[in-house]
Amino acid sequence: MKMTGLCTNLVLLAFISASVADVGDFTPCLQFFYKSWPPKGLAGTPICQRYNNMYQFATLYSRPRRSAWFSAYLYSVPTGKRPKASWKYEPQLAYPSADGNMVPFLPGPVDMNIVESQAVSLDYINSTFSCGHLNPSLHHQTYQCRSATFTLTNVVPQKRWSNDGPWEVLELTVNKTMATYCLGEAYIVTGIMPYQKEEHWMKNRVAVPEYLWSAYCCPNYNQSIPDRLKDAFPTFAAIGRNDPNSTEEIVPIDKTAKKEYRGYDVKQMSLDSLEMYLKDRFNTVISVFNEQCG
């Protein structure tokens, strides 16, 4: 399997772009988008996620919500164990002239400018939510690439029964499908859908999504894929519930699911269908991939 877009190949780019801010412009990290084309239709703060002087992935962040709209990344076949969670923050959200590398939270009080500008570890501690990765460590090869996903600008408040249940199954399924059948670059974008009528908040600070969504674009794939996966290439999409009390118009509930996972279902669908639901929720046209990965 050929996966050339590993973040380990991007060391030089971070140094070439050292004079460019990592927050506010996707220009330094357009390589994480199909045909260098970020999703259209959503407004937010672009972040080129840099770790150890290497661009790792891209995030569209919402400052008012203190959470991401989406993260975009290149898939690579994972190796080794999942890194221990060492949560980080984005210094340029608090101090625009700061170094662009994400920084681990240290023990003790957190700078108030950082607290005001983004989510911090205390927001998630003793809450009813887990840190839900948009760009999961599972979809990356090297330890450094996987470690870089543990930044709070890449997570949203996600119910544990979604995160450890149907949504994890989706991430595992995408991992297996990409590793087996995708022959070139695999571009993945994972984002959220807010509540339609009234925002829900974690500790009155971080906005909670009603749904998570994900889509991939693999333009070069094995033409001998089994019939059951014919509709999974070159694009595939899914929406997952983050609230068991949400209505069932978008994602129905499997009444036969295990009790703890009931109401956190994930529905697989075409890219067209995903964009239709996004348009309905955001009241504007949302385009995830350039020419729908064409």
C-alpha atoms as a PDB file:
ATOM      1  CA  MET A   1       0.000   0.000   0.000  1.00  0.00           C
ATOM      2  CA  LYS A   2       1.334   3.435  -0.939  1.00  0.00           C
ATOM      3  CA  MET A   3       0.732   6.217   1.575  1.00  0.00           C
ATOM      4  CA  THR A   4       3.153   9.043   0.775  1.00  0.00           C
ATOM      5  CA  GLY A   5       1.553  11.795   2.814  1.00  0.00           C
ATOM      6  CA  LEU A   6       2.986  10.943   6.190  1.00  0.00           C
ATOM      7  CA  CYS A   7       3.537  13.878   8.503  1.00  0.00           C
ATOM      8  CA  THR A   8       7.132  12.661   8.900  1.00  0.00           C
ATOM      9  CA  ASN A   9       7.786  13.895   5.360  1.00  0.00           C
ATOM     10  CA  LEU A  10       6.818  17.455   6.269  1.00  0.00           C
ATOM     11  CA  VAL A  11       9.722  18.496   8.504  1.00  0.00           C
ATOM     12  CA  LEU A  12      11.181  20.961   6.017  1.00  0.00           C
ATOM     13  CA  LEU A  13       7.868  22.637   5.305  1.00  0.00           C
ATOM     14  CA  ALA A  14       7.493  23.813   8.890  1.00  0.00           C
ATOM     15  CA  PHE A  15      10.873  25.511   8.755  1.00  0.00           C
ATOM     16  CA  ILE A  16      10.269  27.050   5.331  1.00  0.00           C
ATOM     17  CA  SER A  17       7.026  28.506   6.666  1.00  0.00           C
ATOM     18  CA  ALA A  18       8.478  29.615   9.991  1.00  0.00           C
ATOM     19  CA  SER A  19       7.513  33.230   9.301  1.00  0.00           C
ATOM     20  CA  VAL A  20       3.885  32.313   8.636  1.00  0.00           C
ATOM     21  CA  ALA A  21       1.449  32.208  11.541  1.00  0.00           C
ATOM     22  CA  ASP A  22       0.043  28.763  12.234  1.00  0.00           C
ATOM     23  CA  VAL A  23      -3.280  30.262  13.366  1.00  0.00           C
ATOM     24  CA  GLY A  24      -5.484  32.206  10.970  1.00  0.00           C
ATOM     25  CA  ASP A  25      -4.444  30.776   7.603  1.00  0.00           C
ATOM     26  CA  PHE A  26      -4.445  27.292   6.062  1.00  0.00           C
ATOM     27  CA  THR A  27      -1.786  28.231   3.488  1.00  0.00           C
ATOM     28  CA  PRO A  28       1.128  26.454   5.262  1.00  0.00           C
ATOM     29  CA  CYS A  29      -0.803  23.181   5.567  1.00  0.00           C
ATOM     30  CA  LEU A  30      -2.897  22.866   2.409  1.00  0.00           C
ATOM     31  CA  GLN A  31      -1.295  19.458   1.784  1.00  0.00           C
ATOM     32  CA  PHE A  32      -3.815  17.930   4.213  1.00  0.00           C
ATOM     33  CA  PHE A  33      -6.702  18.803   1.886  1.00  0.00           C
ATOM     34  CA  TYR A  34      -7.589  17.068  -1.371  1.00  0.00           C
ATOM     35  CA  LYS A  35      -6.173  19.220  -4.189  1.00  0.00           C
ATOM     36  CA  SER A  36      -5.128  21.768  -1.519  1.00  0.00           C
ATOM     37  CA  TRP A  37      -8.794  22.761  -1.175  1.00  0.00           C
ATOM     38  CA  PRO A  38     -10.183  23.192   2.378  1.00  0.00           C
ATOM     39  CA  PRO A  39     -13.892  22.481   2.944  1.00  0.00           C
ATOM     40  CA  LYS A  40     -16.091  25.409   1.965  1.00  0.00           C
ATOM     41  CA  GLY A  41     -19.037  26.919   3.800  1.00  0.00           C
ATOM     42  CA  LEU A  42     -17.901  27.026   7.430  1.00  0.00           C
ATOM     43  CA  ALA A  43     -16.440  30.070   9.155  1.00  0.00           C
ATOM     44  CA  GLY A  44     -13.842  29.764  11.893  1.00  0.00           C
ATOM     45  CA  THR A  45     -10.174  30.130  12.783  1.00  0.00           C
ATOM     46  CA  PRO A  46      -7.812  27.965  10.692  1.00  0.00           C
ATOM     47  CA  ILE A  47      -5.050  26.189  12.614  1.00  0.00           C
ATOM     48  CA  CYS A  48      -2.103  24.461  10.975  1.00  0.00           C
ATOM     49  CA  GLN A  49      -1.393  21.994  13.761  1.00  0.00           C
ATOM     50  CA  ARG A  50       2.359  21.951  14.373  1.00  0.00           C
ATOM     51  CA  TYR A  51       4.177  19.599  16.723  1.00  0.00           C
ATOM     52  CA  ASN A  52       7.961  19.338  17.075  1.00  0.00           C
ATOM     53  CA  ASN A  53       8.344  21.767  14.153  1.00  0.00           C
ATOM     54  CA  MET A  54       6.303  19.586  11.797  1.00  0.00           C
ATOM     55  CA  TYR A  55       2.869  20.269  10.407  1.00  0.00           C
ATOM     56  CA  GLN A  56       0.694  17.319  11.374  1.00  0.00           C
ATOM     57  CA  PHE A  57      -2.873  18.172  10.287  1.00  0.00           C
ATOM     58  CA  ALA A  58      -5.297  21.085   9.932  1.00  0.00           C
ATOM     59  CA  THR A  59      -8.217  22.241  12.102  1.00  0.00           C
ATOM     60  CA  LEU A  60     -10.957  24.823  11.670  1.00  0.00           C
ATOM     61  CA  TYR A  61     -11.510  26.104  15.191  1.00  0.00           C
ATOM     62  CA  SER A  62     -14.391  28.024  16.721  1.00  0.00           C
ATOM     63  CA  ARG A  63     -13.168  30.522  19.286  1.00  0.00           C
ATOM     64  CA  PRO A  64     -16.668  31.252  20.684  1.00  0.00           C
ATOM     65  CA  ARG A  65     -17.348  27.521  21.100  1.00  0.00           C
ATOM     66  CA  ARG A  66     -13.808  26.695  22.297  1.00  0.00           C
ATOM     67  CA  SER A  67     -13.876  23.601  20.108  1.00  0.00           C
ATOM     68  CA  ALA A  68     -13.264  22.582  16.510  1.00  0.00           C
ATOM     69  CA  TRP A  69     -15.594  22.611  13.536  1.00  0.00           C
ATOM     70  CA  PHE A  70     -13.463  20.000  11.787  1.00  0.00           C
ATOM     71  CA  SER A  71      -9.990  18.497  11.510  1.00  0.00           C
ATOM     72  CA  ALA A  72      -8.486  17.388   8.190  1.00  0.00           C
ATOM     73  CA  TYR A  73      -5.618  14.939   7.841  1.00  0.00           C
ATOM     74  CA  LEU A  74      -3.877  12.363   5.684  1.00  0.00           C
ATOM     75  CA  TYR A  75      -4.409   8.753   6.697  1.00  0.00           C
ATOM     76  CA  SER A  76      -1.446   6.426   7.181  1.00  0.00           C
ATOM     77  CA  VAL A  77      -1.439   2.807   8.346  1.00  0.00           C
ATOM     78  CA  PRO A  78      -0.968   2.816  12.146  1.00  0.00           C
ATOM     79  CA  THR A  79       1.869   1.010  13.894  1.00  0.00           C
ATOM     80  CA  GLY A  80       2.699   0.485  17.546  1.00  0.00           C
ATOM     81  CA  LYS A  81       0.619   1.212  20.600  1.00  0.00           C
ATOM     82  CA  ARG A  82      -1.610   4.198  21.196  1.00  0.00           C
ATOM     83  CA  PRO A  83       0.452   6.963  22.859  1.00  0.00           C
ATOM     84  CA  LYS A  84      -0.315   7.926  26.418  1.00  0.00           C
ATOM     85  CA  ALA A  85      -2.541  10.983  26.435  1.00  0.00           C
ATOM     86  CA  SER A  86      -0.451  14.118  26.962  1.00  0.00           C
ATOM     87  CA  TRP A  87      -2.863  16.953  26.299  1.00  0.00           C
ATOM     88  CA  LYS A  88      -1.669  20.111  24.597  1.00  0.00           C
ATOM     89  CA  TYR A  89      -2.921  23.572  23.697  1.00  0.00           C
ATOM     90  CA  GLU A  90      -2.416  26.052  20.842  1.00  0.00           C
ATOM     91  CA  PRO A  91      -0.331  29.016  22.094  1.00  0.00           C
ATOM     92  CA  GLN A  92      -1.120  31.268  19.121  1.00  0.00           C
ATOM     93  CA  LEU A  93      -4.820  31.304  20.017  1.00  0.00           C
ATOM     94  CA  ALA A  94      -3.828  33.156  23.192  1.00  0.00           C
ATOM     95  CA  TYR A  95      -0.712  34.978  21.976  1.00  0.00           C
ATOM     96  CA  PRO A  96      -0.578  35.554  18.191  1.00  0.00           C
ATOM     97  CA  SER A  97       3.181  36.147  18.216  1.00  0.00           C
ATOM     98  CA  ALA A  98       3.937  32.943  20.157  1.00  0.00           C
ATOM     99  CA  ASP A  99       5.725  29.941  18.693  1.00  0.00           C
ATOM    100  CA  GLY A 100       3.380  27.853  16.573  1.00  0.00           C
ATOM    101  CA  ASN A 101       4.171  24.463  18.106  1.00  0.00           C
ATOM    102  CA  MET A 102       1.427  22.977  20.283  1.00  0.00           C
ATOM    103  CA  VAL A 103       2.456  22.949  23.947  1.00  0.00           C
ATOM    104  CA  PRO A 104       1.708  20.343  26.648  1.00  0.00           C
ATOM    105  CA  PHE A 105      -0.268  21.484  29.656  1.00  0.00           C
ATOM    106  CA  LEU A 106       1.954  21.615  32.723  1.00  0.00           C
ATOM    107  CA  PRO A 107       0.866  20.901  36.314  1.00  0.00           C
ATOM    108  CA  GLY A 108      -0.512  23.897  38.155  1.00  0.00           C
ATOM    109  CA  PRO A 109      -2.575  26.939  37.171  1.00  0.00           C
ATOM    110  CA  VAL A 110      -3.051  27.685  33.473  1.00  0.00           C
ATOM    111  CA  ASP A 111      -2.387  31.143  32.034  1.00  0.00           C
ATOM    112  CA  MET A 112      -5.728  33.004  31.933  1.00  0.00           C
ATOM    113  CA  ASN A 113      -5.217  34.103  28.332  1.00  0.00           C
ATOM    114  CA  ILE A 114      -5.005  30.422  27.395  1.00  0.00           C
ATOM    115  CA  VAL A 115      -8.070  29.601  29.508  1.00  0.00           C
ATOM    116  CA  GLU A 116     -10.073  32.335  27.779  1.00  0.00           C
ATOM    117  CA  SER A 117      -8.939  31.451  24.273  1.00  0.00           C
ATOM    118  CA  GLN A 118      -9.583  27.687  24.193  1.00  0.00           C
ATOM    119  CA  ALA A 119     -10.603  24.581  26.095  1.00  0.00           C
ATOM    120  CA  VAL A 120      -8.265  23.387  28.853  1.00  0.00           C
ATOM    121  CA  SER A 121      -7.928  20.085  30.679  1.00  0.00           C
ATOM    122  CA  LEU A 122     -10.057  21.241  33.618  1.00  0.00           C
ATOM    123  CA  ASP A 123     -13.029  21.652  31.284  1.00  0.00           C
ATOM    124  CA  TYR A 124     -13.105  17.888  30.731  1.00  0.00           C
ATOM    125  CA  ILE A 125     -12.119  16.719  34.220  1.00  0.00           C
ATOM    126  CA  ASN A 126     -15.156  15.604  36.257  1.00  0.00           C
ATOM    127  CA  SER A 127     -17.487  16.301  33.341  1.00  0.00           C
ATOM    128  CA  THR A 128     -19.864  13.819  31.733  1.00  0.00           C
ATOM    129  CA  PHE A 129     -17.911  13.980  28.471  1.00  0.00           C
ATOM    130  CA  SER A 130     -14.768  12.394  27.098  1.00  0.00           C
ATOM    131  CA  CYS A 131     -12.217  14.053  24.817  1.00  0.00           C
ATOM    132  CA  GLY A 132     -13.524  13.040  21.408  1.00  0.00           C
ATOM    133  CA  HIS A 133     -10.755  13.092  18.791  1.00  0.00           C
ATOM    134  CA  LEU A 134     -11.740  14.433  15.378  1.00  0.00           C
ATOM    135  CA  ASN A 135      -8.382  13.361  13.988  1.00  0.00           C
ATOM    136  CA  PRO A 136      -7.812  10.047  15.818  1.00  0.00           C
ATOM    137  CA  SER A 137      -4.366   8.725  16.684  1.00  0.00           C
ATOM    138  CA  LEU A 138      -5.492   5.373  15.248  1.00  0.00           C
ATOM    139  CA  HIS A 139      -5.239   6.767  11.714  1.00  0.00           C
ATOM    140  CA  HIS A 140      -1.517   7.600  11.842  1.00  0.00           C
ATOM    141  CA  GLN A 141       1.659   5.606  11.500  1.00  0.00           C
ATOM    142  CA  THR A 142       4.397   7.161  13.601  1.00  0.00           C
ATOM    143  CA  TYR A 143       4.474   7.798  17.327  1.00  0.00           C
ATOM    144  CA  GLN A 144       4.984  11.514  16.730  1.00  0.00           C
ATOM    145  CA  CYS A 145       2.058  11.784  14.321  1.00  0.00           C
ATOM    146  CA  ARG A 146      -0.154   9.929  16.770  1.00  0.00           C
ATOM    147  CA  SER A 147       1.002  12.005  19.748  1.00  0.00           C
ATOM    148  CA  ALA A 148       0.171  15.216  17.875  1.00  0.00           C
ATOM    149  CA  THR A 149      -3.530  14.333  17.836  1.00  0.00           C
ATOM    150  CA  PHE A 150      -3.685  14.841  21.614  1.00  0.00           C
ATOM    151  CA  THR A 151      -4.343  18.563  21.498  1.00  0.00           C
ATOM    152  CA  LEU A 152      -7.578  19.972  22.881  1.00  0.00           C
ATOM    153  CA  THR A 153      -8.050  21.988  19.695  1.00  0.00           C
ATOM    154  CA  ASN A 154      -8.584  18.616  17.956  1.00  0.00           C
ATOM    155  CA  VAL A 155     -11.242  17.267  20.324  1.00  0.00           C
ATOM    156  CA  VAL A 156     -14.864  17.959  21.166  1.00  0.00           C
ATOM    157  CA  PRO A 157     -17.005  16.945  24.143  1.00  0.00           C
ATOM    158  CA  GLN A 158     -18.157  13.445  23.197  1.00  0.00           C
ATOM    159  CA  LYS A 159     -20.197  11.087  25.294  1.00  0.00           C
ATOM    160  CA  ARG A 160     -18.081   8.103  26.343  1.00  0.00           C
ATOM    161  CA  TRP A 161     -20.632   5.602  25.025  1.00  0.00           C
ATOM    162  CA  SER A 162     -20.268   7.149  21.583  1.00  0.00           C
ATOM    163  CA  ASN A 163     -16.488   7.543  21.789  1.00  0.00           C
ATOM    164  CA  ASP A 164     -15.883   3.986  23.039  1.00  0.00           C
ATOM    165  CA  GLY A 165     -18.771   2.448  21.135  1.00  0.00           C
ATOM    166  CA  PRO A 166     -20.221   3.010  17.642  1.00  0.00           C
ATOM    167  CA  TRP A 167     -17.876   5.908  16.783  1.00  0.00           C
ATOM    168  CA  GLU A 168     -14.831   3.804  17.651  1.00  0.00           C
ATOM    169  CA  VAL A 169     -16.219   1.030  15.447  1.00  0.00           C
ATOM    170  CA  LEU A 170     -16.429   3.543  12.592  1.00  0.00           C
ATOM    171  CA  GLU A 171     -12.796   4.614  13.094  1.00  0.00           C
ATOM    172  CA  LEU A 172     -11.689   0.972  13.100  1.00  0.00           C
ATOM    173  CA  THR A 173     -13.732   0.253   9.973  1.00  0.00           C
ATOM    174  CA  VAL A 174     -12.257   3.214   8.100  1.00  0.00           C
ATOM    175  CA  ASN A 175      -8.785   2.161   9.230  1.00  0.00           C
ATOM    176  CA  LYS A 176      -9.245  -1.371   7.870  1.00  0.00           C
ATOM    177  CA  THR A 177     -10.800  -0.166   4.612  1.00  0.00           C
ATOM    178  CA  MET A 178      -8.084   2.410   3.923  1.00  0.00           C
ATOM    179  CA  ALA A 179      -5.239   0.045   4.824  1.00  0.00           C
ATOM    180  CA  THR A 180      -6.603  -2.694   2.577  1.00  0.00           C
ATOM    181  CA  TYR A 181      -7.934  -0.926  -0.496  1.00  0.00           C
ATOM    182  CA  CYS A 182      -6.658   2.662  -0.740  1.00  0.00           C
ATOM    183  CA  LEU A 183      -3.580   2.754  -2.977  1.00  0.00           C
ATOM    184  CA  GLY A 184      -2.619   6.411  -2.735  1.00  0.00           C
ATOM    185  CA  GLU A 185      -3.352   9.395  -0.568  1.00  0.00           C
ATOM    186  CA  ALA A 186      -6.405   9.142   1.666  1.00  0.00           C
ATOM    187  CA  TYR A 187      -7.811  12.495   2.760  1.00  0.00           C
ATOM    188  CA  ILE A 188     -10.110  12.471   5.787  1.00  0.00           C
ATOM    189  CA  VAL A 189     -12.184  15.290   7.259  1.00  0.00           C
ATOM    190  CA  THR A 190     -14.047  14.801  10.535  1.00  0.00           C
ATOM    191  CA  GLY A 191     -16.258  17.453  12.055  1.00  0.00           C
ATOM    192  CA  ILE A 192     -19.324  18.216  14.111  1.00  0.00           C
ATOM    193  CA  MET A 193     -22.907  19.386  13.805  1.00  0.00           C
ATOM    194  CA  PRO A 194     -24.145  21.746  16.535  1.00  0.00           C
ATOM    195  CA  TYR A 195     -27.596  21.615  18.062  1.00  0.00           C
ATOM    196  CA  GLN A 196     -30.094  23.293  15.788  1.00  0.00           C
ATOM    197  CA  LYS A 197     -32.079  25.424  18.210  1.00  0.00           C
ATOM    198  CA  GLU A 198     -30.012  26.001  21.314  1.00  0.00           C
ATOM    199  CA  GLU A 199     -26.352  25.396  22.045  1.00  0.00           C
ATOM    200  CA  HIS A 200     -25.453  22.860  24.733  1.00  0.00           C
ATOM    201  CA  TRP A 201     -22.405  23.641  26.862  1.00  0.00           C
ATOM    202  CA  MET A 202     -19.924  21.747  28.988  1.00  0.00           C
ATOM    203  CA  LYS A 203     -19.294  23.714  32.200  1.00  0.00           C
ATOM    204  CA  ASN A 204     -20.691  26.813  30.459  1.00  0.00           C
ATOM    205  CA  ARG A 205     -17.473  27.064  28.435  1.00  0.00           C
ATOM    206  CA  VAL A 206     -17.172  24.475  25.686  1.00  0.00           C
ATOM    207  CA  ALA A 207     -19.912  23.841  23.131  1.00  0.00           C
ATOM    208  CA  VAL A 208     -21.182  20.266  22.875  1.00  0.00           C
ATOM    209  CA  PRO A 209     -22.022  18.878  19.407  1.00  0.00           C
ATOM    210  CA  GLU A 210     -25.230  17.001  18.721  1.00  0.00           C
ATOM    211  CA  TYR A 211     -23.602  14.906  15.993  1.00  0.00           C
ATOM    212  CA  LEU A 212     -20.150  14.046  14.706  1.00  0.00           C
ATOM    213  CA  TRP A 213     -19.514  13.432  11.018  1.00  0.00           C
ATOM    214  CA  SER A 214     -16.644  12.078   8.960  1.00  0.00           C
ATOM    215  CA  ALA A 215     -15.816  11.667   5.280  1.00  0.00           C
ATOM    216  CA  TYR A 216     -12.879  10.364   3.302  1.00  0.00           C
ATOM    217  CA  CYS A 217     -11.594  10.823  -0.221  1.00  0.00           C
ATOM    218  CA  CYS A 218      -9.425   8.100  -1.773  1.00  0.00           C
ATOM    219  CA  PRO A 219      -9.169   8.794  -5.523  1.00  0.00           C
ATOM    220  CA  ASN A 220      -6.742   5.922  -6.213  1.00  0.00           C
ATOM    221  CA  TYR A 221      -8.042   2.604  -4.944  1.00  0.00           C
ATOM    222  CA  ASN A 222      -7.973  -1.124  -5.678  1.00  0.00           C
ATOM    223  CA  GLN A 223     -10.478  -1.783  -8.451  1.00  0.00           C
ATOM    224  CA  SER A 224     -10.968  -5.339  -7.163  1.00  0.00           C
ATOM    225  CA  ILE A 225     -12.831  -4.226  -4.055  1.00  0.00           C
ATOM    226  CA  PRO A 226     -15.650  -6.531  -2.922  1.00  0.00           C
ATOM    227  CA  ASP A 227     -19.210  -5.680  -3.926  1.00  0.00           C
ATOM    228  CA  ARG A 228     -20.102  -4.676  -0.364  1.00  0.00           C
ATOM    229  CA  LEU A 229     -17.579  -1.809  -0.623  1.00  0.00           C
ATOM    230  CA  LYS A 230     -18.460  -0.579  -4.119  1.00  0.00           C
ATOM    231  CA  ASP A 231     -20.216   2.446  -2.644  1.00  0.00           C
ATOM    232  CA  ALA A 232     -17.318   3.177  -0.267  1.00  0.00           C
ATOM    233  CA  PHE A 233     -14.980   4.515  -3.005  1.00  0.00           C
ATOM    234  CA  PRO A 234     -13.751   7.002  -3.871  1.00  0.00           C
ATOM    235  CA  THR A 235     -15.764   8.699  -1.107  1.00  0.00           C
ATOM    236  CA  PHE A 236     -17.562   7.587   2.020  1.00  0.00           C
ATOM    237  CA  ALA A 237     -19.267   9.441   4.840  1.00  0.00           C
ATOM    238  CA  ALA A 238     -20.989   8.863   8.158  1.00  0.00           C
ATOM    239  CA  ILE A 239     -22.810  10.741  10.908  1.00  0.00           C
ATOM    240  CA  GLY A 240     -22.814   9.659  14.552  1.00  0.00           C
ATOM    241  CA  ARG A 241     -25.142  10.592  17.385  1.00  0.00           C
ATOM    242  CA  ASN A 242     -23.734  12.291  20.487  1.00  0.00           C
ATOM    243  CA  ASP A 243     -27.053  12.585  22.310  1.00  0.00           C
ATOM    244  CA  PRO A 244     -29.382   9.607  22.902  1.00  0.00           C
ATOM    245  CA  ASN A 245     -32.310  12.022  23.191  1.00  0.00           C
ATOM    246  CA  SER A 246     -31.893  13.518  19.716  1.00  0.00           C
ATOM    247  CA  THR A 247     -34.612  12.837  17.168  1.00  0.00           C
ATOM    248  CA  GLU A 248     -34.140  10.080  14.603  1.00  0.00           C
ATOM    249  CA  GLU A 249     -34.514  12.004  11.335  1.00  0.00           C
ATOM    250  CA  ILE A 250     -30.776  11.997  10.645  1.00  0.00           C
ATOM    251  CA  VAL A 251     -29.570   8.867  12.450  1.00  0.00           C
ATOM    252  CA  PRO A 252     -32.127   6.288  13.617  1.00  0.00           C
ATOM    253  CA  ILE A 253     -31.658   4.357  16.852  1.00  0.00           C
ATOM    254  CA  ASP A 254     -31.015   0.633  16.806  1.00  0.00           C
ATOM    255  CA  LYS A 255     -33.315  -0.611  19.563  1.00  0.00           C
ATOM    256  CA  THR A 256     -31.408  -3.922  19.666  1.00  0.00           C
ATOM    257  CA  ALA A 257     -28.029  -2.336  20.505  1.00  0.00           C
ATOM    258  CA  LYS A 258     -26.448  -2.887  23.901  1.00  0.00           C
ATOM    259  CA  LYS A 259     -28.063  -0.635  26.461  1.00  0.00           C
ATOM    260  CA  GLU A 260     -24.968   1.490  27.101  1.00  0.00           C
ATOM    261  CA  TYR A 261     -24.523   2.192  23.368  1.00  0.00           C
ATOM    262  CA  ARG A 262     -28.181   2.673  22.500  1.00  0.00           C
ATOM    263  CA  GLY A 263     -28.802   6.115  21.083  1.00  0.00           C
ATOM    264  CA  TYR A 264     -25.203   6.644  19.978  1.00  0.00           C
ATOM    265  CA  ASP A 265     -25.658   5.050  16.573  1.00  0.00           C
ATOM    266  CA  VAL A 266     -23.588   5.852  13.490  1.00  0.00           C
ATOM    267  CA  LYS A 267     -25.174   5.973  10.042  1.00  0.00           C
ATOM    268  CA  GLN A 268     -23.022   5.400   6.971  1.00  0.00           C
ATOM    269  CA  MET A 269     -23.987   7.333   3.859  1.00  0.00           C
ATOM    270  CA  SER A 270     -22.812   8.901   0.625  1.00  0.00           C
ATOM    271  CA  LEU A 271     -20.901  12.172   0.538  1.00  0.00           C
ATOM    272  CA  ASP A 272     -23.933  13.733  -1.172  1.00  0.00           C
ATOM    273  CA  SER A 273     -26.156  12.754   1.734  1.00  0.00           C
ATOM    274  CA  LEU A 274     -23.705  14.105   4.298  1.00  0.00           C
ATOM    275  CA  GLU A 275     -23.490  17.445   2.514  1.00  0.00           C
ATOM    276  CA  MET A 276     -27.285  17.573   2.349  1.00  0.00           C
ATOM    277  CA  TYR A 277     -27.519  17.156   6.136  1.00  0.00           C
ATOM    278  CA  LEU A 278     -24.760  19.724   6.671  1.00  0.00           C
ATOM    279  CA  LYS A 279     -26.549  22.227   4.442  1.00  0.00           C
ATOM    280  CA  ASP A 280     -29.753  21.721   6.396  1.00  0.00           C
ATOM    281  CA  ARG A 281     -28.018  22.154   9.751  1.00  0.00           C
ATOM    282  CA  PHE A 282     -25.817  25.136   8.867  1.00  0.00           C
ATOM    283  CA  ASN A 283     -28.255  26.805   6.462  1.00  0.00           C
ATOM    284  CA  THR A 284     -25.562  27.128   3.828  1.00  0.00           C
ATOM    285  CA  VAL A 285     -23.903  24.952   1.199  1.00  0.00           C
ATOM    286  CA  ILE A 286     -21.047  22.883   2.681  1.00  0.00           C
ATOM    287  CA  SER A 287     -18.546  21.268   0.310  1.00  0.00           C
ATOM    288  CA  VAL A 288     -16.157  18.820   1.970  1.00  0.00           C
ATOM    289  CA  PHE A 289     -13.886  17.905  -0.970  1.00  0.00           C
ATOM    290  CA  ASN A 290     -12.944  19.649  -4.175  1.00  0.00           C
ATOM    291  CA  GLU A 291     -15.384  18.492  -6.880  1.00  0.00           C
ATOM    292  CA  GLN A 292     -16.501  15.782  -4.430  1.00  0.00           C
ATOM    293  CA  CYS A 293     -13.120  14.022  -4.722  1.00  0.00           C
ATOM    294  CA  GLY A 294     -13.464  13.923  -8.493  1.00  0.00           C
END
